[in-house]
């Protein structure tokens, strides 16, 4: 899942999407495969991917992260991860993604209270 190393043919997004789909369908849900994924630092690689990938891949990667975090043994890896680029931790990364989505959908809050609730969610 090293995103930057794949783009020799221009099909990096397709390749990473396929890898994430394989994780979702072949690894997650199988306890033995999940343990191996955790042993090879899969959560770290997944968080690195979430931090650096394009938006189209980010949604799939976050979905995979949510799925693997259902395994209680993955929590330690989540807590220990720190970005190599910016030194933020995993929680800060997810909050940053959440804030970016708020800006993208022009969500307005004042003192933590949602202001624009009359706007349709799905136009």
PDB file of N, CA and C in Angstrom:
ATOM      1  N   UNK A   1       0.816  -1.192   0.000  1.00  0.00           N
ATOM      2  CA  UNK A   1       0.000   0.000   0.000  1.00  0.00           C
ATOM      3  C   UNK A   1       0.860   1.256   0.000  1.00  0.00           C
ATOM      4  N   UNK A   2       2.090   1.128  -0.400  1.00  0.00           N
ATOM      5  CA  UNK A   2       2.947   2.297  -0.503  1.00  0.00           C
ATOM      6  C   UNK A   2       2.565   3.033  -1.773  1.00  0.00           C
ATOM      7  N   UNK A   3       1.697   4.020  -1.622  1.00  0.00           N
ATOM      8  CA  UNK A   3       1.055   4.700  -2.734  1.00  0.00           C
ATOM      9  C   UNK A   3       2.040   5.313  -3.720  1.00  0.00           C
ATOM     10  N   UNK A   4       3.068   5.960  -3.263  1.00  0.00           N
ATOM     11  CA  UNK A   4       3.976   6.681  -4.157  1.00  0.00           C
ATOM     12  C   UNK A   4       4.845   5.748  -5.001  1.00  0.00           C
ATOM     13  N   UNK A   5       5.007   4.503  -4.585  1.00  0.00           N
ATOM     14  CA  UNK A   5       5.857   3.567  -5.310  1.00  0.00           C
ATOM     15  C   UNK A   5       5.138   2.824  -6.430  1.00  0.00           C
ATOM     16  N   UNK A   6       3.856   3.026  -6.588  1.00  0.00           N
ATOM     17  CA  UNK A   6       3.065   2.242  -7.518  1.00  0.00           C
ATOM     18  C   UNK A   6       2.849   2.943  -8.845  1.00  0.00           C
ATOM     19  N   UNK A   7       2.975   4.236  -8.905  1.00  0.00           N
ATOM     20  CA  UNK A   7       2.519   5.023 -10.039  1.00  0.00           C
ATOM     21  C   UNK A   7       3.468   5.010 -11.230  1.00  0.00           C
ATOM     22  N   UNK A   8       3.903   3.833 -11.667  1.00  0.00           N
ATOM     23  CA  UNK A   8       4.761   3.747 -12.849  1.00  0.00           C
ATOM     24  C   UNK A   8       3.933   3.688 -14.127  1.00  0.00           C
ATOM     25  N   UNK A   9       2.743   3.111 -14.050  1.00  0.00           N
ATOM     26  CA  UNK A   9       1.927   2.947 -15.246  1.00  0.00           C
ATOM     27  C   UNK A   9       0.753   3.912 -15.298  1.00  0.00           C
ATOM     28  N   UNK A  10       0.575   4.728 -14.281  1.00  0.00           N
ATOM     29  CA  UNK A  10      -0.545   5.640 -14.245  1.00  0.00           C
ATOM     30  C   UNK A  10      -1.808   5.028 -13.674  1.00  0.00           C
ATOM     31  N   UNK A  11      -1.724   3.805 -13.190  1.00  0.00           N
ATOM     32  CA  UNK A  11      -2.888   3.117 -12.660  1.00  0.00           C
ATOM     33  C   UNK A  11      -2.818   2.956 -11.147  1.00  0.00           C
ATOM     34  N   UNK A  12      -2.190   3.873 -10.469  1.00  0.00           N
ATOM     35  CA  UNK A  12      -1.994   3.751  -9.028  1.00  0.00           C
ATOM     36  C   UNK A  12      -3.312   3.749  -8.270  1.00  0.00           C
ATOM     37  N   UNK A  13      -4.246   4.587  -8.663  1.00  0.00           N
ATOM     38  CA  UNK A  13      -5.529   4.658  -7.961  1.00  0.00           C
ATOM     39  C   UNK A  13      -6.281   3.342  -8.109  1.00  0.00           C
ATOM     40  N   UNK A  14      -6.270   2.777  -9.308  1.00  0.00           N
ATOM     41  CA  UNK A  14      -6.922   1.491  -9.532  1.00  0.00           C
ATOM     42  C   UNK A  14      -6.264   0.402  -8.709  1.00  0.00           C
ATOM     43  N   UNK A  15      -4.938   0.399  -8.680  1.00  0.00           N
ATOM     44  CA  UNK A  15      -4.206  -0.617  -7.933  1.00  0.00           C
ATOM     45  C   UNK A  15      -4.494  -0.522  -6.442  1.00  0.00           C
ATOM     46  N   UNK A  16      -4.400   0.669  -5.868  1.00  0.00           N
ATOM     47  CA  UNK A  16      -4.639   0.845  -4.435  1.00  0.00           C
ATOM     48  C   UNK A  16      -6.092   0.525  -4.093  1.00  0.00           C
ATOM     49  N   UNK A  17      -7.022   0.903  -4.951  1.00  0.00           N
ATOM     50  CA  UNK A  17      -8.427   0.557  -4.730  1.00  0.00           C
ATOM     51  C   UNK A  17      -8.611  -0.954  -4.684  1.00  0.00           C
ATOM     52  N   UNK A  18      -7.930  -1.654  -5.572  1.00  0.00           N
ATOM     53  CA  UNK A  18      -8.003  -3.117  -5.593  1.00  0.00           C
ATOM     54  C   UNK A  18      -7.410  -3.728  -4.333  1.00  0.00           C
ATOM     55  N   UNK A  19      -6.296  -3.190  -3.873  1.00  0.00           N
ATOM     56  CA  UNK A  19      -5.670  -3.694  -2.649  1.00  0.00           C
ATOM     57  C   UNK A  19      -6.592  -3.489  -1.450  1.00  0.00           C
ATOM     58  N   UNK A  20      -7.192  -2.307  -1.356  1.00  0.00           N
ATOM     59  CA  UNK A  20      -8.109  -2.034  -0.247  1.00  0.00           C
ATOM     60  C   UNK A  20      -9.348  -2.925  -0.325  1.00  0.00           C
ATOM     61  N   UNK A  21      -9.821  -3.185  -1.531  1.00  0.00           N
ATOM     62  CA  UNK A  21     -10.960  -4.086  -1.704  1.00  0.00           C
ATOM     63  C   UNK A  21     -10.590  -5.507  -1.263  1.00  0.00           C
ATOM     64  N   UNK A  22      -9.385  -5.937  -1.593  1.00  0.00           N
ATOM     65  CA  UNK A  22      -8.919  -7.258  -1.144  1.00  0.00           C
ATOM     66  C   UNK A  22      -8.849  -7.328   0.377  1.00  0.00           C
ATOM     67  N   UNK A  23      -8.347  -6.267   1.003  1.00  0.00           N
ATOM     68  CA  UNK A  23      -8.310  -6.239   2.465  1.00  0.00           C
ATOM     69  C   UNK A  23      -9.716  -6.377   3.042  1.00  0.00           C
ATOM     70  N   UNK A  24     -10.635  -5.611   2.485  1.00  0.00           N
ATOM     71  CA  UNK A  24     -11.999  -5.609   3.007  1.00  0.00           C
ATOM     72  C   UNK A  24     -12.686  -6.960   2.833  1.00  0.00           C
ATOM     73  N   UNK A  25     -12.392  -7.646   1.747  1.00  0.00           N
ATOM     74  CA  UNK A  25     -13.101  -8.884   1.450  1.00  0.00           C
ATOM     75  C   UNK A  25     -12.360 -10.160   1.819  1.00  0.00           C
ATOM     76  N   UNK A  26     -11.043 -10.111   1.916  1.00  0.00           N
ATOM     77  CA  UNK A  26     -10.290 -11.337   2.188  1.00  0.00           C
ATOM     78  C   UNK A  26      -9.631 -11.360   3.564  1.00  0.00           C
ATOM     79  N   UNK A  27      -9.244 -10.211   4.071  1.00  0.00           N
ATOM     80  CA  UNK A  27      -8.515 -10.174   5.340  1.00  0.00           C
ATOM     81  C   UNK A  27      -9.450  -9.874   6.503  1.00  0.00           C
ATOM     82  N   UNK A  28     -10.193  -8.812   6.402  1.00  0.00           N
ATOM     83  CA  UNK A  28     -11.054  -8.402   7.505  1.00  0.00           C
ATOM     84  C   UNK A  28     -12.202  -9.387   7.665  1.00  0.00           C
ATOM     85  N   UNK A  29     -12.447  -9.770   8.894  1.00  0.00           N
ATOM     86  CA  UNK A  29     -13.468 -10.769   9.193  1.00  0.00           C
ATOM     87  C   UNK A  29     -12.889 -12.144   9.448  1.00  0.00           C
ATOM     88  N   UNK A  30     -11.645 -12.350   9.052  1.00  0.00           N
ATOM     89  CA  UNK A  30     -10.949 -13.611   9.304  1.00  0.00           C
ATOM     90  C   UNK A  30      -9.926 -13.343  10.402  1.00  0.00           C
ATOM     91  N   UNK A  31     -10.146 -13.910  11.587  1.00  0.00           N
ATOM     92  CA  UNK A  31      -9.297 -13.584  12.742  1.00  0.00           C
ATOM     93  C   UNK A  31      -7.818 -13.861  12.482  1.00  0.00           C
ATOM     94  N   UNK A  32      -7.520 -14.954  11.844  1.00  0.00           N
ATOM     95  CA  UNK A  32      -6.120 -15.294  11.574  1.00  0.00           C
ATOM     96  C   UNK A  32      -5.473 -14.294  10.615  1.00  0.00           C
ATOM     97  N   UNK A  33      -6.205 -13.917   9.576  1.00  0.00           N
ATOM     98  CA  UNK A  33      -5.685 -12.938   8.615  1.00  0.00           C
ATOM     99  C   UNK A  33      -5.543 -11.557   9.262  1.00  0.00           C
ATOM    100  N   UNK A  34      -6.495 -11.189  10.093  1.00  0.00           N
ATOM    101  CA  UNK A  34      -6.412  -9.906  10.790  1.00  0.00           C
ATOM    102  C   UNK A  34      -5.198  -9.859  11.702  1.00  0.00           C
ATOM    103  N   UNK A  35      -4.925 -10.938  12.419  1.00  0.00           N
ATOM    104  CA  UNK A  35      -3.743 -10.977  13.289  1.00  0.00           C
ATOM    105  C   UNK A  35      -2.461 -10.850  12.489  1.00  0.00           C
ATOM    106  N   UNK A  36      -2.415 -11.503  11.337  1.00  0.00           N
ATOM    107  CA  UNK A  36      -1.221 -11.368  10.491  1.00  0.00           C
ATOM    108  C   UNK A  36      -1.093  -9.934   9.983  1.00  0.00           C
ATOM    109  N   UNK A  37      -2.214  -9.330   9.592  1.00  0.00           N
ATOM    110  CA  UNK A  37      -2.207  -7.934   9.141  1.00  0.00           C
ATOM    111  C   UNK A  37      -1.662  -7.027  10.238  1.00  0.00           C
ATOM    112  N   UNK A  38      -2.063  -7.271  11.474  1.00  0.00           N
ATOM    113  CA  UNK A  38      -1.565  -6.473  12.599  1.00  0.00           C
ATOM    114  C   UNK A  38      -0.087  -6.752  12.864  1.00  0.00           C
ATOM    115  N   UNK A  39       0.334  -8.001  12.708  1.00  0.00           N
ATOM    116  CA  UNK A  39       1.742  -8.357  12.934  1.00  0.00           C
ATOM    117  C   UNK A  39       2.684  -7.692  11.934  1.00  0.00           C
ATOM    118  N   UNK A  40       2.214  -7.465  10.731  1.00  0.00           N
ATOM    119  CA  UNK A  40       3.072  -6.828   9.712  1.00  0.00           C
ATOM    120  C   UNK A  40       2.863  -5.313   9.681  1.00  0.00           C
ATOM    121  N   UNK A  41       2.372  -4.764  10.800  1.00  0.00           N
ATOM    122  CA  UNK A  41       2.174  -3.319  10.960  1.00  0.00           C
ATOM    123  C   UNK A  41       1.220  -2.738   9.928  1.00  0.00           C
ATOM    124  N   UNK A  42       0.167  -3.465   9.628  1.00  0.00           N
ATOM    125  CA  UNK A  42      -0.814  -3.027   8.649  1.00  0.00           C
ATOM    126  C   UNK A  42      -1.530  -1.739   9.029  1.00  0.00           C
ATOM    127  N   UNK A  43      -1.774  -1.551  10.329  1.00  0.00           N
ATOM    128  CA  UNK A  43      -2.463  -0.334  10.765  1.00  0.00           C
ATOM    129  C   UNK A  43      -1.581   0.883  10.499  1.00  0.00           C
ATOM    130  N   UNK A  44      -0.280   0.757  10.756  1.00  0.00           N
ATOM    131  CA  UNK A  44       0.646   1.859  10.481  1.00  0.00           C
ATOM    132  C   UNK A  44       0.645   2.219   8.997  1.00  0.00           C
ATOM    133  N   UNK A  45       0.712   1.202   8.155  1.00  0.00           N
ATOM    134  CA  UNK A  45       0.746   1.438   6.709  1.00  0.00           C
ATOM    135  C   UNK A  45      -0.578   2.054   6.251  1.00  0.00           C
ATOM    136  N   UNK A  46      -1.683   1.581   6.809  1.00  0.00           N
ATOM    137  CA  UNK A  46      -2.988   2.122   6.456  1.00  0.00           C
ATOM    138  C   UNK A  46      -3.109   3.585   6.861  1.00  0.00           C
ATOM    139  N   UNK A  47      -2.630   3.929   8.041  1.00  0.00           N
ATOM    140  CA  UNK A  47      -2.659   5.332   8.482  1.00  0.00           C
ATOM    141  C   UNK A  47      -1.728   6.204   7.633  1.00  0.00           C
ATOM    142  N   UNK A  48      -0.565   5.670   7.266  1.00  0.00           N
ATOM    143  CA  UNK A  48       0.330   6.406   6.359  1.00  0.00           C
ATOM    144  C   UNK A  48      -0.363   6.671   5.026  1.00  0.00           C
ATOM    145  N   UNK A  49      -1.075   5.669   4.528  1.00  0.00           N
ATOM    146  CA  UNK A  49      -1.800   5.816   3.265  1.00  0.00           C
ATOM    147  C   UNK A  49      -2.887   6.883   3.391  1.00  0.00           C
ATOM    148  N   UNK A  50      -3.636   6.844   4.493  1.00  0.00           N
ATOM    149  CA  UNK A  50      -4.702   7.830   4.696  1.00  0.00           C
ATOM    150  C   UNK A  50      -4.138   9.245   4.707  1.00  0.00           C
ATOM    151  N   UNK A  51      -2.988   9.404   5.292  1.00  0.00           N
ATOM    152  CA  UNK A  51      -2.396  10.740   5.382  1.00  0.00           C
ATOM    153  C   UNK A  51      -1.928  11.261   4.026  1.00  0.00           C
ATOM    154  N   UNK A  52      -1.460  10.389   3.149  1.00  0.00           N
ATOM    155  CA  UNK A  52      -0.796  10.852   1.932  1.00  0.00           C
ATOM    156  C   UNK A  52      -1.574  10.652   0.642  1.00  0.00           C
ATOM    157  N   UNK A  53      -2.637   9.871   0.660  1.00  0.00           N
ATOM    158  CA  UNK A  53      -3.296   9.521  -0.600  1.00  0.00           C
ATOM    159  C   UNK A  53      -4.286  10.591  -1.060  1.00  0.00           C
ATOM    160  N   UNK A  54      -4.766  10.405  -2.281  1.00  0.00           N
ATOM    161  CA  UNK A  54      -5.768  11.291  -2.857  1.00  0.00           C
ATOM    162  C   UNK A  54      -7.121  11.043  -2.196  1.00  0.00           C
ATOM    163  N   UNK A  55      -8.027  11.986  -2.395  1.00  0.00           N
ATOM    164  CA  UNK A  55      -9.331  11.922  -1.742  1.00  0.00           C
ATOM    165  C   UNK A  55     -10.112  10.659  -2.112  1.00  0.00           C
ATOM    166  N   UNK A  56     -10.043  10.235  -3.363  1.00  0.00           N
ATOM    167  CA  UNK A  56     -10.811   9.064  -3.794  1.00  0.00           C
ATOM    168  C   UNK A  56     -10.387   7.799  -3.044  1.00  0.00           C
ATOM    169  N   UNK A  57      -9.123   7.680  -2.739  1.00  0.00           N
ATOM    170  CA  UNK A  57      -8.619   6.523  -2.001  1.00  0.00           C
ATOM    171  C   UNK A  57      -8.853   6.689  -0.508  1.00  0.00           C
ATOM    172  N   UNK A  58      -8.818   7.915  -0.050  1.00  0.00           N
ATOM    173  CA  UNK A  58      -8.933   8.202   1.389  1.00  0.00           C
ATOM    174  C   UNK A  58     -10.205   7.615   1.991  1.00  0.00           C
ATOM    175  N   UNK A  59     -11.313   7.724   1.289  1.00  0.00           N
ATOM    176  CA  UNK A  59     -12.582   7.202   1.797  1.00  0.00           C
ATOM    177  C   UNK A  59     -12.530   5.690   1.973  1.00  0.00           C
ATOM    178  N   UNK A  60     -11.955   4.986   1.016  1.00  0.00           N
ATOM    179  CA  UNK A  60     -11.819   3.533   1.122  1.00  0.00           C
ATOM    180  C   UNK A  60     -10.867   3.145   2.253  1.00  0.00           C
ATOM    181  N   UNK A  61      -9.782   3.882   2.371  1.00  0.00           N
ATOM    182  CA  UNK A  61      -8.785   3.580   3.400  1.00  0.00           C
ATOM    183  C   UNK A  61      -9.346   3.823   4.802  1.00  0.00           C
ATOM    184  N   UNK A  62     -10.113   4.881   4.975  1.00  0.00           N
ATOM    185  CA  UNK A  62     -10.728   5.156   6.276  1.00  0.00           C
ATOM    186  C   UNK A  62     -11.744   4.060   6.605  1.00  0.00           C
ATOM    187  N   UNK A  63     -12.457   3.600   5.616  1.00  0.00           N
ATOM    188  CA  UNK A  63     -13.393   2.500   5.827  1.00  0.00           C
ATOM    189  C   UNK A  63     -12.657   1.235   6.286  1.00  0.00           C
ATOM    190  N   UNK A  64     -11.526   0.944   5.662  1.00  0.00           N
ATOM    191  CA  UNK A  64     -10.718  -0.214   6.074  1.00  0.00           C
ATOM    192  C   UNK A  64     -10.184  -0.023   7.489  1.00  0.00           C
ATOM    193  N   UNK A  65      -9.765   1.191   7.799  1.00  0.00           N
ATOM    194  CA  UNK A  65      -9.269   1.472   9.151  1.00  0.00           C
ATOM    195  C   UNK A  65     -10.370   1.227  10.184  1.00  0.00           C
ATOM    196  N   UNK A  66     -11.566   1.708   9.899  1.00  0.00           N
ATOM    197  CA  UNK A  66     -12.690   1.498  10.829  1.00  0.00           C
ATOM    198  C   UNK A  66     -12.966   0.014  11.030  1.00  0.00           C
ATOM    199  N   UNK A  67     -12.862  -0.748   9.957  1.00  0.00           N
ATOM    200  CA  UNK A  67     -13.119  -2.189  10.053  1.00  0.00           C
ATOM    201  C   UNK A  67     -12.066  -2.888  10.903  1.00  0.00           C
ATOM    202  N   UNK A  68     -10.795  -2.592  10.682  1.00  0.00           N
ATOM    203  CA  UNK A  68      -9.746  -3.266  11.445  1.00  0.00           C
ATOM    204  C   UNK A  68      -9.740  -2.811  12.896  1.00  0.00           C
ATOM    205  N   UNK A  69     -10.181  -1.601  13.168  1.00  0.00           N
ATOM    206  CA  UNK A  69     -10.218  -1.125  14.548  1.00  0.00           C
ATOM    207  C   UNK A  69     -11.299  -1.817  15.379  1.00  0.00           C
ATOM    208  N   UNK A  70     -12.184  -2.555  14.733  1.00  0.00           N
ATOM    209  CA  UNK A  70     -13.142  -3.373  15.475  1.00  0.00           C
ATOM    210  C   UNK A  70     -12.440  -4.522  16.187  1.00  0.00           C
ATOM    211  N   UNK A  71     -11.255  -4.894  15.708  1.00  0.00           N
ATOM    212  CA  UNK A  71     -10.432  -5.892  16.376  1.00  0.00           C
ATOM    213  C   UNK A  71      -9.715  -5.205  17.532  1.00  0.00           C
ATOM    214  N   UNK A  72      -9.954  -5.653  18.745  1.00  0.00           N
ATOM    215  CA  UNK A  72      -9.396  -4.978  19.929  1.00  0.00           C
ATOM    216  C   UNK A  72      -7.875  -4.966  19.947  1.00  0.00           C
ATOM    217  N   UNK A  73      -7.241  -5.892  19.253  1.00  0.00           N
ATOM    218  CA  UNK A  73      -5.776  -5.939  19.234  1.00  0.00           C
ATOM    219  C   UNK A  73      -5.162  -4.863  18.346  1.00  0.00           C
ATOM    220  N   UNK A  74      -5.978  -4.203  17.551  1.00  0.00           N
ATOM    221  CA  UNK A  74      -5.459  -3.164  16.655  1.00  0.00           C
ATOM    222  C   UNK A  74      -5.342  -1.811  17.342  1.00  0.00           C
ATOM    223  N   UNK A  75      -6.012  -1.657  18.463  1.00  0.00           N
ATOM    224  CA  UNK A  75      -6.063  -0.352  19.126  1.00  0.00           C
ATOM    225  C   UNK A  75      -4.670   0.149  19.510  1.00  0.00           C
ATOM    226  N   UNK A  76      -3.814  -0.738  19.981  1.00  0.00           N
ATOM    227  CA  UNK A  76      -2.464  -0.334  20.397  1.00  0.00           C
ATOM    228  C   UNK A  76      -1.682   0.266  19.225  1.00  0.00           C
ATOM    229  N   UNK A  77      -1.802  -0.329  18.061  1.00  0.00           N
ATOM    230  CA  UNK A  77      -1.128   0.200  16.874  1.00  0.00           C
ATOM    231  C   UNK A  77      -1.665   1.582  16.527  1.00  0.00           C
ATOM    232  N   UNK A  78      -2.985   1.762  16.641  1.00  0.00           N
ATOM    233  CA  UNK A  78      -3.608   3.055  16.365  1.00  0.00           C
ATOM    234  C   UNK A  78      -3.060   4.123  17.307  1.00  0.00           C
ATOM    235  N   UNK A  79      -2.969   3.798  18.584  1.00  0.00           N
ATOM    236  CA  UNK A  79      -2.499   4.756  19.588  1.00  0.00           C
ATOM    237  C   UNK A  79      -1.017   5.083  19.399  1.00  0.00           C
ATOM    238  N   UNK A  80      -0.232   4.122  18.978  1.00  0.00           N
ATOM    239  CA  UNK A  80       1.222   4.314  18.853  1.00  0.00           C
ATOM    240  C   UNK A  80       1.634   5.037  17.579  1.00  0.00           C
ATOM    241  N   UNK A  81       0.770   5.086  16.572  1.00  0.00           N
ATOM    242  CA  UNK A  81       1.154   5.661  15.279  1.00  0.00           C
ATOM    243  C   UNK A  81       1.386   7.161  15.385  1.00  0.00           C
ATOM    244  N   UNK A  82       2.464   7.604  14.755  1.00  0.00           N
ATOM    245  CA  UNK A  82       2.752   9.028  14.571  1.00  0.00           C
ATOM    246  C   UNK A  82       3.190   9.234  13.133  1.00  0.00           C
ATOM    247  N   UNK A  83       2.754  10.327  12.553  1.00  0.00           N
ATOM    248  CA  UNK A  83       3.091  10.628  11.172  1.00  0.00           C
ATOM    249  C   UNK A  83       4.588  10.862  11.015  1.00  0.00           C
ATOM    250  N   UNK A  84       5.144  10.315   9.950  1.00  0.00           N
ATOM    251  CA  UNK A  84       6.550  10.570   9.630  1.00  0.00           C
ATOM    252  C   UNK A  84       6.729  11.948   9.008  1.00  0.00           C
ATOM    253  N   UNK A  85       5.645  12.484   8.429  1.00  0.00           N
ATOM    254  CA  UNK A  85       5.722  13.781   7.767  1.00  0.00           C
ATOM    255  C   UNK A  85       5.479  14.945   8.714  1.00  0.00           C
ATOM    256  N   UNK A  86       4.444  14.825   9.554  1.00  0.00           N
ATOM    257  CA  UNK A  86       4.030  15.973  10.356  1.00  0.00           C
ATOM    258  C   UNK A  86       4.045  15.721  11.860  1.00  0.00           C
ATOM    259  N   UNK A  87       4.352  14.505  12.282  1.00  0.00           N
ATOM    260  CA  UNK A  87       4.415  14.109  13.694  1.00  0.00           C
ATOM    261  C   UNK A  87       3.076  14.152  14.428  1.00  0.00           C
ATOM    262  N   UNK A  88       1.960  14.227  13.701  1.00  0.00           N
ATOM    263  CA  UNK A  88       0.664  14.161  14.371  1.00  0.00           C
ATOM    264  C   UNK A  88       0.343  12.703  14.681  1.00  0.00           C
ATOM    265  N   UNK A  89      -0.552  12.486  15.645  1.00  0.00           N
ATOM    266  CA  UNK A  89      -0.942  11.112  15.954  1.00  0.00           C
ATOM    267  C   UNK A  89      -2.211  10.754  15.182  1.00  0.00           C
ATOM    268  N   UNK A  90      -2.667   9.518  15.324  1.00  0.00           N
ATOM    269  CA  UNK A  90      -3.798   9.035  14.537  1.00  0.00           C
ATOM    270  C   UNK A  90      -5.080   9.791  14.856  1.00  0.00           C
ATOM    271  N   UNK A  91      -5.298  10.101  16.117  1.00  0.00           N
ATOM    272  CA  UNK A  91      -6.502  10.847  16.493  1.00  0.00           C
ATOM    273  C   UNK A  91      -6.497  12.219  15.845  1.00  0.00           C
ATOM    274  N   UNK A  92      -5.364  12.899  15.867  1.00  0.00           N
ATOM    275  CA  UNK A  92      -5.259  14.210  15.240  1.00  0.00           C
ATOM    276  C   UNK A  92      -5.486  14.126  13.729  1.00  0.00           C
ATOM    277  N   UNK A  93      -5.006  13.044  13.120  1.00  0.00           N
ATOM    278  CA  UNK A  93      -5.222  12.848  11.685  1.00  0.00           C
ATOM    279  C   UNK A  93      -6.710  12.737  11.378  1.00  0.00           C
ATOM    280  N   UNK A  94      -7.436  11.955  12.173  1.00  0.00           N
ATOM    281  CA  UNK A  94      -8.867  11.791  11.929  1.00  0.00           C
ATOM    282  C   UNK A  94      -9.640  13.087  12.188  1.00  0.00           C
ATOM    283  N   UNK A  95      -9.239  13.840  13.195  1.00  0.00           N
ATOM    284  CA  UNK A  95      -9.880  15.134  13.454  1.00  0.00           C
ATOM    285  C   UNK A  95      -9.613  16.085  12.291  1.00  0.00           C
ATOM    286  N   UNK A  96      -8.406  16.051  11.765  1.00  0.00           N
ATOM    287  CA  UNK A  96      -8.062  16.882  10.606  1.00  0.00           C
ATOM    288  C   UNK A  96      -8.924  16.514   9.400  1.00  0.00           C
ATOM    289  N   UNK A  97      -9.129  15.224   9.178  1.00  0.00           N
ATOM    290  CA  UNK A  97      -9.989  14.779   8.079  1.00  0.00           C
ATOM    291  C   UNK A  97     -11.431  15.240   8.295  1.00  0.00           C
ATOM    292  N   UNK A  98     -11.898  15.153   9.529  1.00  0.00           N
ATOM    293  CA  UNK A  98     -13.251  15.586   9.871  1.00  0.00           C
ATOM    294  C   UNK A  98     -13.420  17.083   9.610  1.00  0.00           C
ATOM    295  N   UNK A  99     -12.438  17.872  10.010  1.00  0.00           N
ATOM    296  CA  UNK A  99     -12.485  19.326   9.767  1.00  0.00           C
ATOM    297  C   UNK A  99     -12.471  19.639   8.280  1.00  0.00           C
ATOM    298  N   UNK A 100     -11.682  18.881   7.525  1.00  0.00           N
ATOM    299  CA  UNK A 100     -11.636  19.079   6.075  1.00  0.00           C
ATOM    300  C   UNK A 100     -13.004  18.797   5.450  1.00  0.00           C
ATOM    301  N   UNK A 101     -13.684  17.758   5.919  1.00  0.00           N
ATOM    302  CA  UNK A 101     -15.020  17.442   5.407  1.00  0.00           C
ATOM    303  C   UNK A 101     -16.015  18.539   5.772  1.00  0.00           C
ATOM    304  N   UNK A 102     -15.903  19.088   6.968  1.00  0.00           N
ATOM    305  CA  UNK A 102     -16.777  20.204   7.353  1.00  0.00           C
ATOM    306  C   UNK A 102     -16.589  21.386   6.406  1.00  0.00           C
ATOM    307  N   UNK A 103     -15.347  21.692   6.073  1.00  0.00           N
ATOM    308  CA  UNK A 103     -15.077  22.793   5.150  1.00  0.00           C
ATOM    309  C   UNK A 103     -15.596  22.473   3.752  1.00  0.00           C
ATOM    310  N   UNK A 104     -15.414  21.243   3.327  1.00  0.00           N
ATOM    311  CA  UNK A 104     -15.840  20.827   1.993  1.00  0.00           C
ATOM    312  C   UNK A 104     -17.354  20.949   1.835  1.00  0.00           C
ATOM    313  N   UNK A 105     -18.099  20.646   2.869  1.00  0.00           N
ATOM    314  CA  UNK A 105     -19.553  20.727   2.831  1.00  0.00           C
ATOM    315  C   UNK A 105     -20.089  22.029   3.419  1.00  0.00           C
ATOM    316  N   UNK A 106     -19.207  22.981   3.659  1.00  0.00           N
ATOM    317  CA  UNK A 106     -19.528  24.307   4.208  1.00  0.00           C
ATOM    318  C   UNK A 106     -20.414  24.233   5.453  1.00  0.00           C
ATOM    319  N   UNK A 107     -20.022  23.375   6.365  1.00  0.00           N
ATOM    320  CA  UNK A 107     -20.719  23.260   7.641  1.00  0.00           C
ATOM    321  C   UNK A 107     -20.328  24.448   8.503  1.00  0.00           C
ATOM    322  N   UNK A 108     -21.318  25.104   9.077  1.00  0.00           N
ATOM    323  CA  UNK A 108     -21.068  26.273   9.914  1.00  0.00           C
ATOM    324  C   UNK A 108     -21.481  25.970  11.345  1.00  0.00           C
ATOM    325  N   UNK A 109     -20.573  26.254  12.273  1.00  0.00           N
ATOM    326  CA  UNK A 109     -20.881  26.078  13.692  1.00  0.00           C
ATOM    327  C   UNK A 109     -20.484  27.340  14.441  1.00  0.00           C
ATOM    328  N   UNK A 110     -21.217  27.614  15.484  1.00  0.00           N
ATOM    329  CA  UNK A 110     -20.883  28.708  16.396  1.00  0.00           C
ATOM    330  C   UNK A 110     -20.894  28.104  17.796  1.00  0.00           C
ATOM    331  N   UNK A 111     -19.760  28.182  18.460  1.00  0.00           N
ATOM    332  CA  UNK A 111     -19.596  27.590  19.788  1.00  0.00           C
ATOM    333  C   UNK A 111     -19.975  26.114  19.800  1.00  0.00           C
ATOM    334  N   UNK A 112     -19.636  25.410  18.729  1.00  0.00           N
ATOM    335  CA  UNK A 112     -19.903  23.983  18.654  1.00  0.00           C
ATOM    336  C   UNK A 112     -21.328  23.616  18.300  1.00  0.00           C
ATOM    337  N   UNK A 113     -22.146  24.595  17.942  1.00  0.00           N
ATOM    338  CA  UNK A 113     -23.550  24.336  17.605  1.00  0.00           C
ATOM    339  C   UNK A 113     -23.724  24.488  16.099  1.00  0.00           C
ATOM    340  N   UNK A 114     -24.264  23.455  15.469  1.00  0.00           N
ATOM    341  CA  UNK A 114     -24.482  23.440  14.033  1.00  0.00           C
ATOM    342  C   UNK A 114     -25.470  24.534  13.641  1.00  0.00           C
ATOM    343  N   UNK A 115     -25.121  25.329  12.632  1.00  0.00           N
ATOM    344  CA  UNK A 115     -25.939  26.476  12.246  1.00  0.00           C
ATOM    345  C   UNK A 115     -26.748  26.247  10.979  1.00  0.00           C
ATOM    346  N   UNK A 116     -26.250  25.544  10.010  1.00  0.00           N
ATOM    347  CA  UNK A 116     -26.918  25.448   8.714  1.00  0.00           C
ATOM    348  C   UNK A 116     -27.578  24.082   8.512  1.00  0.00           C
ATOM    349  N   UNK A 117     -28.532  23.737   9.348  1.00  0.00           N
ATOM    350  CA  UNK A 117     -29.171  22.426   9.268  1.00  0.00           C
ATOM    351  C   UNK A 117     -30.277  22.365   8.213  1.00  0.00           C
ATOM    352  N   UNK A 118     -30.686  23.498   7.648  1.00  0.00           N
ATOM    353  CA  UNK A 118     -31.744  23.495   6.647  1.00  0.00           C
ATOM    354  C   UNK A 118     -31.249  23.113   5.267  1.00  0.00           C
ATOM    355  N   UNK A 119     -29.942  23.043   5.090  1.00  0.00           N
ATOM    356  CA  UNK A 119     -29.358  22.680   3.796  1.00  0.00           C
ATOM    357  C   UNK A 119     -29.538  21.174   3.592  1.00  0.00           C
ATOM    358  N   UNK A 120     -30.019  20.734   2.406  1.00  0.00           N
ATOM    359  CA  UNK A 120     -30.215  19.298   2.190  1.00  0.00           C
ATOM    360  C   UNK A 120     -28.869  18.566   2.219  1.00  0.00           C
ATOM    361  N   UNK A 121     -28.859  17.387   2.836  1.00  0.00           N
ATOM    362  CA  UNK A 121     -27.627  16.611   2.936  1.00  0.00           C
ATOM    363  C   UNK A 121     -27.226  16.025   1.595  1.00  0.00           C
ATOM    364  N   UNK A 122     -28.212  15.551   0.824  1.00  0.00           N
ATOM    365  CA  UNK A 122     -27.910  14.923  -0.446  1.00  0.00           C
ATOM    366  C   UNK A 122     -28.742  15.595  -1.536  1.00  0.00           C
ATOM    367  N   UNK A 123     -28.141  16.574  -2.214  1.00  0.00           N
ATOM    368  CA  UNK A 123     -28.901  17.299  -3.256  1.00  0.00           C
ATOM    369  C   UNK A 123     -29.266  16.411  -4.418  1.00  0.00           C
TER     370      UNK A 123
END
